[in-house]
C-alpha atoms as a PDB file:
ATOM      1  CA  MET A   1     -28.315 -62.349 135.326  1.00  0.00           C
ATOM      2  CA  GLU A   2     -26.664 -65.392 133.772  1.00  0.00           C
ATOM      3  CA  ARG A   3     -24.998 -65.151 130.415  1.00  0.00           C
ATOM      4  CA  ALA A   4     -25.268 -67.922 127.903  1.00  0.00           C
ATOM      5  CA  GLY A   5     -22.035 -69.779 127.345  1.00  0.00           C
ATOM      6  CA  PRO A   6     -20.261 -69.541 124.004  1.00  0.00           C
ATOM      7  CA  SER A   7     -21.818 -71.688 121.322  1.00  0.00           C
ATOM      8  CA  THR A   8     -19.767 -73.833 119.017  1.00  0.00           C
ATOM      9  CA  SER A   9     -19.850 -72.394 115.529  1.00  0.00           C
ATOM     10  CA  ARG A  10     -18.824 -73.587 112.094  1.00  0.00           C
ATOM     11  CA  ARG A  11     -16.271 -70.738 111.947  1.00  0.00           C
ATOM     12  CA  TRP A  12     -14.624 -72.013 115.148  1.00  0.00           C
ATOM     13  CA  PHE A  13     -14.252 -75.499 113.627  1.00  0.00           C
ATOM     14  CA  LEU A  14     -12.803 -74.078 110.410  1.00  0.00           C
ATOM     15  CA  LYS A  15     -10.242 -71.985 112.308  1.00  0.00           C
ATOM     16  CA  GLY A  16      -9.234 -75.014 114.351  1.00  0.00           C
ATOM     17  CA  ALA A  17      -8.835 -77.145 111.237  1.00  0.00           C
ATOM     18  CA  ALA A  18      -6.742 -74.467 109.525  1.00  0.00           C
ATOM     19  CA  LEU A  19      -4.496 -74.118 112.544  1.00  0.00           C
ATOM     20  CA  ALA A  20      -4.015 -77.867 112.709  1.00  0.00           C
ATOM     21  CA  ALA A  21      -2.741 -77.791 109.121  1.00  0.00           C
ATOM     22  CA  VAL A  22       0.000 -75.232 109.911  1.00  0.00           C
ATOM     23  CA  PRO A  23       3.427 -76.859 110.305  1.00  0.00           C
ATOM     24  CA  TYR A  24       4.687 -76.703 113.888  1.00  0.00           C
ATOM     25  CA  ALA A  25       7.849 -74.921 112.722  1.00  0.00           C
ATOM     26  CA  LEU A  26       5.755 -71.881 111.784  1.00  0.00           C
ATOM     27  CA  LEU A  27       4.059 -71.555 115.172  1.00  0.00           C
ATOM     28  CA  PRO A  28       5.577 -69.379 117.926  1.00  0.00           C
ATOM     29  CA  ASP A  29       7.617 -71.243 120.497  1.00  0.00           C
ATOM     30  CA  ALA A  30       5.390 -72.050 123.479  1.00  0.00           C
ATOM     31  CA  ARG A  31       8.314 -71.246 125.759  1.00  0.00           C
ATOM     32  CA  ALA A  32       8.610 -67.729 124.396  1.00  0.00           C
ATOM     33  CA  GLY A  33       7.356 -64.997 126.681  1.00  0.00           C
ATOM     34  CA  ALA A  34       8.589 -63.490 129.917  1.00  0.00           C
ATOM     35  CA  GLN A  35      12.206 -64.562 129.556  1.00  0.00           C
ATOM     36  CA  ASP A  36      12.465 -63.143 126.019  1.00  0.00           C
ATOM     37  CA  GLN A  37      11.226 -59.671 126.961  1.00  0.00           C
ATOM     38  CA  ALA A  38      13.948 -57.028 126.675  1.00  0.00           C
ATOM     39  CA  VAL A  39      15.100 -55.608 130.004  1.00  0.00           C
ATOM     40  CA  ASP A  40      16.395 -52.172 130.969  1.00  0.00           C
ATOM     41  CA  TYR A  41      19.386 -53.604 132.819  1.00  0.00           C
ATOM     42  CA  PRO A  42      21.550 -56.078 130.882  1.00  0.00           C
ATOM     43  CA  GLY A  43      21.745 -59.439 132.617  1.00  0.00           C
ATOM     44  CA  ALA A  44      18.438 -59.049 134.446  1.00  0.00           C
ATOM     45  CA  GLU A  45      15.709 -61.635 133.975  1.00  0.00           C
ATOM     46  CA  TRP A  46      12.285 -60.281 132.962  1.00  0.00           C
ATOM     47  CA  GLN A  47       9.616 -61.285 135.519  1.00  0.00           C
ATOM     48  CA  GLN A  48       6.742 -58.921 134.776  1.00  0.00           C
ATOM     49  CA  ALA A  49       4.611 -57.746 137.666  1.00  0.00           C
ATOM     50  CA  SER A  50       0.856 -57.674 137.332  1.00  0.00           C
ATOM     51  CA  ARG A  51      -0.277 -54.581 135.457  1.00  0.00           C
ATOM     52  CA  SER A  52      -2.564 -53.929 138.435  1.00  0.00           C
ATOM     53  CA  ASN A  53       0.482 -53.272 140.631  1.00  0.00           C
ATOM     54  CA  TYR A  54       2.138 -50.326 138.891  1.00  0.00           C
ATOM     55  CA  THR A  55       1.315 -47.250 136.805  1.00  0.00           C
ATOM     56  CA  ALA A  56       2.279 -47.088 133.140  1.00  0.00           C
ATOM     57  CA  SER A  57       4.311 -43.980 132.358  1.00  0.00           C
ATOM     58  CA  ASP A  58       7.092 -42.637 130.160  1.00  0.00           C
ATOM     59  CA  ARG A  59       9.669 -41.533 132.697  1.00  0.00           C
ATOM     60  CA  PRO A  60      11.884 -39.569 132.704  1.00  0.00           C
ATOM     61  CA  ALA A  61       9.827 -37.499 130.237  1.00  0.00           C
ATOM     62  CA  SER A  62       6.743 -37.521 132.498  1.00  0.00           C
ATOM     63  CA  TYR A  63       8.579 -37.438 135.837  1.00  0.00           C
ATOM     64  CA  PRO A  64      12.287 -36.798 136.368  1.00  0.00           C
ATOM     65  CA  LEU A  65      14.153 -39.601 138.129  1.00  0.00           C
ATOM     66  CA  ASP A  66      16.321 -38.469 141.017  1.00  0.00           C
ATOM     67  CA  CYS A  67      16.656 -41.339 143.486  1.00  0.00           C
ATOM     68  CA  VAL A  68      17.008 -45.056 144.049  1.00  0.00           C
ATOM     69  CA  ILE A  69      15.187 -46.620 147.002  1.00  0.00           C
ATOM     70  CA  ILE A  70      16.650 -49.695 148.681  1.00  0.00           C
ATOM     71  CA  HIS A  71      14.229 -52.233 150.154  1.00  0.00           C
ATOM     72  CA  VAL A  72      14.370 -55.617 151.880  1.00  0.00           C
ATOM     73  CA  THR A  73      11.503 -57.943 151.021  1.00  0.00           C
ATOM     74  CA  GLN A  74      10.766 -59.616 154.370  1.00  0.00           C
ATOM     75  CA  GLU A  75      10.091 -62.624 152.153  1.00  0.00           C
ATOM     76  CA  THR A  76      11.840 -65.123 149.892  1.00  0.00           C
ATOM     77  CA  TYR A  77      12.755 -64.336 146.308  1.00  0.00           C
ATOM     78  CA  ALA A  78      10.111 -66.698 144.870  1.00  0.00           C
ATOM     79  CA  LYS A  79       7.339 -65.453 147.140  1.00  0.00           C
ATOM     80  CA  THR A  80       8.218 -61.844 146.365  1.00  0.00           C
ATOM     81  CA  LEU A  81       7.851 -62.505 142.637  1.00  0.00           C
ATOM     82  CA  ALA A  82       4.492 -64.161 143.350  1.00  0.00           C
ATOM     83  CA  ILE A  83       3.374 -61.108 145.340  1.00  0.00           C
ATOM     84  CA  PHE A  84       4.378 -58.751 142.515  1.00  0.00           C
ATOM     85  CA  GLN A  85       2.476 -60.930 140.025  1.00  0.00           C
ATOM     86  CA  ASN A  86      -0.675 -61.069 142.162  1.00  0.00           C
ATOM     87  CA  PRO A  87      -3.067 -58.314 141.006  1.00  0.00           C
ATOM     88  CA  GLU A  88      -4.672 -58.079 144.453  1.00  0.00           C
ATOM     89  CA  LYS A  89      -1.432 -57.080 146.238  1.00  0.00           C
ATOM     90  CA  LYS A  90      -1.077 -53.542 144.788  1.00  0.00           C
ATOM     91  CA  VAL A  91       2.693 -53.471 145.349  1.00  0.00           C
ATOM     92  CA  THR A  92       5.806 -53.984 143.273  1.00  0.00           C
ATOM     93  CA  ALA A  93       9.338 -52.736 142.661  1.00  0.00           C
ATOM     94  CA  HIS A  94      11.347 -52.304 139.502  1.00  0.00           C
ATOM     95  CA  TYR A  95      13.973 -54.864 140.499  1.00  0.00           C
ATOM     96  CA  LEU A  96      14.451 -57.792 142.865  1.00  0.00           C
ATOM     97  CA  VAL A  97      17.896 -59.111 143.856  1.00  0.00           C
ATOM     98  CA  ARG A  98      18.282 -62.713 145.038  1.00  0.00           C
ATOM     99  CA  SER A  99      20.348 -63.339 148.165  1.00  0.00           C
ATOM    100  CA  ALA A 100      22.237 -66.514 147.244  1.00  0.00           C
ATOM    101  CA  ASP A 101      23.825 -65.361 143.995  1.00  0.00           C
ATOM    102  CA  GLY A 102      22.837 -61.737 143.380  1.00  0.00           C
ATOM    103  CA  HIS A 103      20.615 -62.687 140.447  1.00  0.00           C
ATOM    104  CA  VAL A 104      18.557 -59.687 139.304  1.00  0.00           C
ATOM    105  CA  ALA A 105      14.944 -59.872 138.137  1.00  0.00           C
ATOM    106  CA  GLN A 106      13.257 -56.874 136.543  1.00  0.00           C
ATOM    107  CA  CYS A 107       9.535 -56.721 137.309  1.00  0.00           C
ATOM    108  CA  VAL A 108       8.556 -53.230 136.125  1.00  0.00           C
ATOM    109  CA  ARG A 109      10.012 -51.089 133.349  1.00  0.00           C
ATOM    110  CA  GLU A 110      12.097 -48.162 134.572  1.00  0.00           C
ATOM    111  CA  ALA A 111       9.822 -45.866 132.545  1.00  0.00           C
ATOM    112  CA  ASP A 112       6.824 -47.046 134.572  1.00  0.00           C
ATOM    113  CA  ILE A 113       5.960 -46.161 138.170  1.00  0.00           C
ATOM    114  CA  ALA A 114       6.322 -49.065 140.578  1.00  0.00           C
ATOM    115  CA  TRP A 115       4.340 -48.928 143.813  1.00  0.00           C
ATOM    116  CA  HIS A 116       7.108 -49.466 146.354  1.00  0.00           C
ATOM    117  CA  ALA A 117       7.730 -46.334 148.397  1.00  0.00           C
ATOM    118  CA  GLY A 118       4.325 -45.857 150.015  1.00  0.00           C
ATOM    119  CA  ASP A 119       4.432 -42.247 148.820  1.00  0.00           C
ATOM    120  CA  TRP A 120       3.221 -41.226 145.357  1.00  0.00           C
ATOM    121  CA  ASP A 121       5.791 -38.435 144.923  1.00  0.00           C
ATOM    122  CA  TYR A 122       8.667 -40.785 145.739  1.00  0.00           C
ATOM    123  CA  ASN A 123       7.196 -43.508 143.535  1.00  0.00           C
ATOM    124  CA  THR A 124       7.130 -41.122 140.549  1.00  0.00           C
ATOM    125  CA  ARG A 125      10.749 -40.034 140.920  1.00  0.00           C
ATOM    126  CA  SER A 126      12.523 -43.226 141.967  1.00  0.00           C
ATOM    127  CA  ILE A 127      13.631 -46.681 140.942  1.00  0.00           C
ATOM    128  CA  GLY A 128      12.838 -49.282 143.616  1.00  0.00           C
ATOM    129  CA  ILE A 129      15.181 -52.210 144.282  1.00  0.00           C
ATOM    130  CA  GLU A 130      14.003 -55.017 146.544  1.00  0.00           C
ATOM    131  CA  HIS A 131      16.467 -57.431 148.134  1.00  0.00           C
ATOM    132  CA  GLU A 132      15.549 -60.933 149.236  1.00  0.00           C
ATOM    133  CA  GLY A 133      15.767 -61.318 152.985  1.00  0.00           C
ATOM    134  CA  TRP A 134      14.690 -60.029 156.352  1.00  0.00           C
ATOM    135  CA  VAL A 135      15.924 -56.929 158.168  1.00  0.00           C
ATOM    136  CA  ASP A 136      16.817 -58.976 161.261  1.00  0.00           C
ATOM    137  CA  ARG A 137      18.656 -61.772 159.391  1.00  0.00           C
ATOM    138  CA  PRO A 138      21.945 -60.302 158.148  1.00  0.00           C
ATOM    139  CA  ALA A 139      23.032 -63.637 156.636  1.00  0.00           C
ATOM    140  CA  TYR A 140      20.759 -62.782 153.693  1.00  0.00           C
ATOM    141  CA  PHE A 141      22.983 -59.798 152.874  1.00  0.00           C
ATOM    142  CA  THR A 142      25.575 -61.844 150.980  1.00  0.00           C
ATOM    143  CA  ASP A 143      28.609 -60.591 149.092  1.00  0.00           C
ATOM    144  CA  ALA A 144      26.854 -61.473 145.830  1.00  0.00           C
ATOM    145  CA  LEU A 145      23.725 -59.534 146.804  1.00  0.00           C
ATOM    146  CA  TYR A 146      25.706 -56.408 147.728  1.00  0.00           C
ATOM    147  CA  GLU A 147      27.910 -56.583 144.636  1.00  0.00           C
ATOM    148  CA  GLN A 148      25.177 -57.178 142.066  1.00  0.00           C
ATOM    149  CA  SER A 149      22.791 -54.687 143.647  1.00  0.00           C
ATOM    150  CA  ALA A 150      25.503 -52.022 143.753  1.00  0.00           C
ATOM    151  CA  LYS A 151      26.269 -52.583 140.054  1.00  0.00           C
ATOM    152  CA  LEU A 152      22.566 -52.199 139.284  1.00  0.00           C
ATOM    153  CA  THR A 153      22.271 -49.011 141.345  1.00  0.00           C
ATOM    154  CA  ALA A 154      25.429 -47.580 139.770  1.00  0.00           C
ATOM    155  CA  ALA A 155      24.083 -48.281 136.269  1.00  0.00           C
ATOM    156  CA  ILE A 156      20.750 -46.628 137.095  1.00  0.00           C
ATOM    157  CA  CYS A 157      22.495 -43.563 138.540  1.00  0.00           C
ATOM    158  CA  THR A 158      24.752 -43.248 135.509  1.00  0.00           C
ATOM    159  CA  LYS A 159      21.851 -43.675 133.059  1.00  0.00           C
ATOM    160  CA  TYR A 160      19.690 -40.956 134.646  1.00  0.00           C
ATOM    161  CA  GLY A 161      22.360 -38.636 136.026  1.00  0.00           C
ATOM    162  CA  ILE A 162      21.481 -39.422 139.645  1.00  0.00           C
ATOM    163  CA  PRO A 163      24.308 -38.558 142.065  1.00  0.00           C
ATOM    164  CA  LYS A 164      25.834 -41.636 143.692  1.00  0.00           C
ATOM    165  CA  ASP A 165      25.404 -40.414 147.242  1.00  0.00           C
ATOM    166  CA  ARG A 166      23.218 -41.066 150.284  1.00  0.00           C
ATOM    167  CA  ASP A 167      21.010 -38.091 149.495  1.00  0.00           C
ATOM    168  CA  HIS A 168      19.902 -39.862 146.306  1.00  0.00           C
ATOM    169  CA  ILE A 169      20.326 -43.546 147.220  1.00  0.00           C
ATOM    170  CA  ILE A 170      18.086 -44.013 150.213  1.00  0.00           C
ATOM    171  CA  GLY A 171      16.499 -46.706 152.330  1.00  0.00           C
ATOM    172  CA  HIS A 172      12.772 -47.241 152.419  1.00  0.00           C
ATOM    173  CA  TYR A 173      12.821 -46.026 156.014  1.00  0.00           C
ATOM    174  CA  GLU A 174      13.972 -42.613 154.763  1.00  0.00           C
ATOM    175  CA  VAL A 175      10.855 -41.966 152.685  1.00  0.00           C
ATOM    176  CA  PRO A 176       8.844 -39.304 154.566  1.00  0.00           C
ATOM    177  CA  GLY A 177       5.836 -40.669 156.427  1.00  0.00           C
ATOM    178  CA  THR A 178       6.772 -44.316 156.057  1.00  0.00           C
ATOM    179  CA  ASP A 179       6.375 -46.892 158.812  1.00  0.00           C
ATOM    180  CA  HIS A 180       8.919 -49.238 157.203  1.00  0.00           C
ATOM    181  CA  THR A 181      12.351 -49.938 158.658  1.00  0.00           C
ATOM    182  CA  ASP A 182      14.045 -51.598 155.681  1.00  0.00           C
ATOM    183  CA  PRO A 183      16.726 -52.192 154.764  1.00  0.00           C
ATOM    184  CA  GLY A 184      17.337 -52.238 158.523  1.00  0.00           C
ATOM    185  CA  ARG A 185      20.259 -51.799 160.887  1.00  0.00           C
ATOM    186  CA  HIS A 186      22.206 -54.756 159.455  1.00  0.00           C
ATOM    187  CA  TRP A 187      22.394 -53.230 155.985  1.00  0.00           C
ATOM    188  CA  ASP A 188      25.996 -52.042 155.504  1.00  0.00           C
ATOM    189  CA  TRP A 189      25.563 -48.648 153.874  1.00  0.00           C
ATOM    190  CA  ARG A 190      29.260 -47.800 153.956  1.00  0.00           C
ATOM    191  CA  ARG A 191      30.144 -50.991 152.098  1.00  0.00           C
ATOM    192  CA  TYR A 192      27.251 -50.602 149.682  1.00  0.00           C
ATOM    193  CA  MET A 193      28.085 -47.031 148.746  1.00  0.00           C
ATOM    194  CA  LYS A 194      31.744 -47.936 148.154  1.00  0.00           C
ATOM    195  CA  LEU A 195      30.597 -50.659 145.756  1.00  0.00           C
ATOM    196  CA  VAL A 196      28.216 -48.233 144.016  1.00  0.00           C
ATOM    197  CA  ALA A 197      31.050 -45.737 143.576  1.00  0.00           C
ATOM    198  CA  VAL A 198      33.167 -48.248 141.642  1.00  0.00           C
ATOM    199  CA  GLY A 199      30.001 -49.592 139.947  1.00  0.00           C
END
């Protein structure tokens, strides 16, 4: 069944005329939006994921947080953001760290449940951090990426009382039942955990 298109009404014309009379200084800045959204981690850039790719929640009240899961994207930074913002993908993480400079984007609120672990229980109790790169290309694991990611992980652990150890900071491959291998054999856990410890 076809629906009739909207008809032009007198009210629509009046609203348009009234808006045209409003001085531009009183209108919201067209550039306002994603970048102005407050973030959970200071210094992160807000890049909201599609609401179809995570579950709204009020953690830690609804689910206690007890781990951080480390991922590698198998994709570029820009394409990963596009995936998270595509409502058909059904995947996201709380944070994404760029390889070249360690820049951090936040895509999902820490209170909400990102779909990153492939296991609902782990999704509910963790913060997911994606890292730009590929598991078989260690050049993507730059000093800046390690340093900025470790600061982020340390801040999350401090905020929620998560121990800064390998029992609570895990790779995606350590989630039970997963078929993922990230962050892969080139990820330097010893170095990363030392950086987390000094946070």
